[in-house]
Amino acid sequence: MNERNPKLELEQKFVLKQIQFGIGVRKGDDNLKNWINDWIQANLKNGKLNELYKQDIGTDLPEEIINAQ
């Protein structure tokens, strides 16, 4: 809402909804599954995944996702 009307100067007090994403792969496609899992782990560690999430969703990754490693 602040983007649409900056004069409001609204402050976020709490998160109404968290969005979690998932990737589906064909059963038995372990190479792709492992590549995706490695990419996720690497980008969780270097902060890129949080950066992408924050860019699209507007908040940091939920703790449940960060701690699910």
C-alpha atoms as a PDB file:
ATOM      1  CA  MET A   1       0.000   0.000   0.000  1.00  0.00           C
ATOM      2  CA  ASN A   2       2.916   2.320   0.655  1.00  0.00           C
ATOM      3  CA  GLU A   3       4.083   1.826  -2.920  1.00  0.00           C
ATOM      4  CA  ARG A   4       0.702   2.960  -4.231  1.00  0.00           C
ATOM      5  CA  ASN A   5       0.360   5.855  -1.797  1.00  0.00           C
ATOM      6  CA  PRO A   6       3.643   6.840  -0.087  1.00  0.00           C
ATOM      7  CA  LYS A   7       1.920   9.661   1.794  1.00  0.00           C
ATOM      8  CA  LEU A   8       0.242   7.090   4.056  1.00  0.00           C
ATOM      9  CA  GLU A   9       3.629   6.109   5.554  1.00  0.00           C
ATOM     10  CA  LEU A  10       2.217   2.780   6.770  1.00  0.00           C
ATOM     11  CA  GLU A  11       4.348   0.488   8.929  1.00  0.00           C
ATOM     12  CA  GLN A  12       4.188  -3.307   8.808  1.00  0.00           C
ATOM     13  CA  LYS A  13       3.305  -4.656  12.256  1.00  0.00           C
ATOM     14  CA  PHE A  14       2.964  -8.381  11.493  1.00  0.00           C
ATOM     15  CA  VAL A  15       2.940 -10.864   8.624  1.00  0.00           C
ATOM     16  CA  LEU A  16      -0.499 -12.065   7.560  1.00  0.00           C
ATOM     17  CA  LYS A  17       0.660 -14.880   5.329  1.00  0.00           C
ATOM     18  CA  GLN A  18       3.880 -16.701   4.557  1.00  0.00           C
ATOM     19  CA  ILE A  19       4.413 -18.191   1.145  1.00  0.00           C
ATOM     20  CA  GLN A  20       6.333 -21.420   0.730  1.00  0.00           C
ATOM     21  CA  PHE A  21       7.318 -22.737  -2.660  1.00  0.00           C
ATOM     22  CA  GLY A  22       8.116 -26.233  -3.819  1.00  0.00           C
ATOM     23  CA  ILE A  23       9.639 -27.830  -6.889  1.00  0.00           C
ATOM     24  CA  GLY A  24       8.331 -31.061  -8.330  1.00  0.00           C
ATOM     25  CA  VAL A  25      10.596 -33.463 -10.176  1.00  0.00           C
ATOM     26  CA  ARG A  26       9.900 -36.692 -11.973  1.00  0.00           C
ATOM     27  CA  LYS A  27      10.150 -39.749  -9.738  1.00  0.00           C
ATOM     28  CA  GLY A  28      13.590 -41.308 -10.079  1.00  0.00           C
ATOM     29  CA  ASP A  29      15.227 -38.135 -11.458  1.00  0.00           C
ATOM     30  CA  ASP A  30      17.762 -38.059  -8.642  1.00  0.00           C
ATOM     31  CA  ASN A  31      20.318 -36.014 -10.594  1.00  0.00           C
ATOM     32  CA  LEU A  32      17.910 -33.104 -10.997  1.00  0.00           C
ATOM     33  CA  LYS A  33      16.613 -33.431  -7.428  1.00  0.00           C
ATOM     34  CA  ASN A  34      20.173 -33.389  -6.058  1.00  0.00           C
ATOM     35  CA  TRP A  35      21.112 -30.400  -8.232  1.00  0.00           C
ATOM     36  CA  ILE A  36      18.069 -28.461  -6.983  1.00  0.00           C
ATOM     37  CA  ASN A  37      18.777 -29.371  -3.351  1.00  0.00           C
ATOM     38  CA  ASP A  38      22.432 -28.315  -3.722  1.00  0.00           C
ATOM     39  CA  TRP A  39      21.356 -25.018  -5.326  1.00  0.00           C
ATOM     40  CA  ILE A  40      18.921 -24.324  -2.497  1.00  0.00           C
ATOM     41  CA  GLN A  41      21.500 -25.105   0.205  1.00  0.00           C
ATOM     42  CA  ALA A  42      24.187 -22.962  -1.442  1.00  0.00           C
ATOM     43  CA  ASN A  43      21.839 -20.011  -1.929  1.00  0.00           C
ATOM     44  CA  LEU A  44      20.447 -20.272   1.599  1.00  0.00           C
ATOM     45  CA  LYS A  45      24.005 -20.043   2.937  1.00  0.00           C
ATOM     46  CA  ASN A  46      25.074 -17.118   0.742  1.00  0.00           C
ATOM     47  CA  GLY A  47      21.826 -15.169   1.291  1.00  0.00           C
ATOM     48  CA  LYS A  48      20.746 -15.120  -2.351  1.00  0.00           C
ATOM     49  CA  LEU A  49      17.580 -17.172  -1.732  1.00  0.00           C
ATOM     50  CA  ASN A  50      16.463 -14.776   1.001  1.00  0.00           C
ATOM     51  CA  GLU A  51      17.255 -11.842  -1.287  1.00  0.00           C
ATOM     52  CA  LEU A  52      15.096 -13.297  -4.077  1.00  0.00           C
ATOM     53  CA  TYR A  53      12.273 -14.130  -1.673  1.00  0.00           C
ATOM     54  CA  LYS A  54      12.353 -10.643  -0.156  1.00  0.00           C
ATOM     55  CA  GLN A  55      12.376  -9.053  -3.620  1.00  0.00           C
ATOM     56  CA  ASP A  56       9.225 -10.939  -4.640  1.00  0.00           C
ATOM     57  CA  ILE A  57       7.337 -11.323  -1.344  1.00  0.00           C
ATOM     58  CA  GLY A  58       8.551  -8.284   0.600  1.00  0.00           C
ATOM     59  CA  THR A  59       9.700 -10.104   3.749  1.00  0.00           C
ATOM     60  CA  ASP A  60      12.565 -12.348   4.776  1.00  0.00           C
ATOM     61  CA  LEU A  61      12.319 -16.103   4.359  1.00  0.00           C
ATOM     62  CA  PRO A  62      10.320 -17.693   7.173  1.00  0.00           C
ATOM     63  CA  GLU A  63      12.437 -19.223   9.943  1.00  0.00           C
ATOM     64  CA  GLU A  64      10.849 -22.619   9.229  1.00  0.00           C
ATOM     65  CA  ILE A  65      12.458 -22.628   5.786  1.00  0.00           C
ATOM     66  CA  ILE A  66      15.848 -21.392   6.971  1.00  0.00           C
ATOM     67  CA  ASN A  67      15.933 -23.936   9.818  1.00  0.00           C
ATOM     68  CA  ALA A  68      14.716 -26.849   7.685  1.00  0.00           C
ATOM     69  CA  GLN A  69      18.209 -27.453   6.309  1.00  0.00           C
END
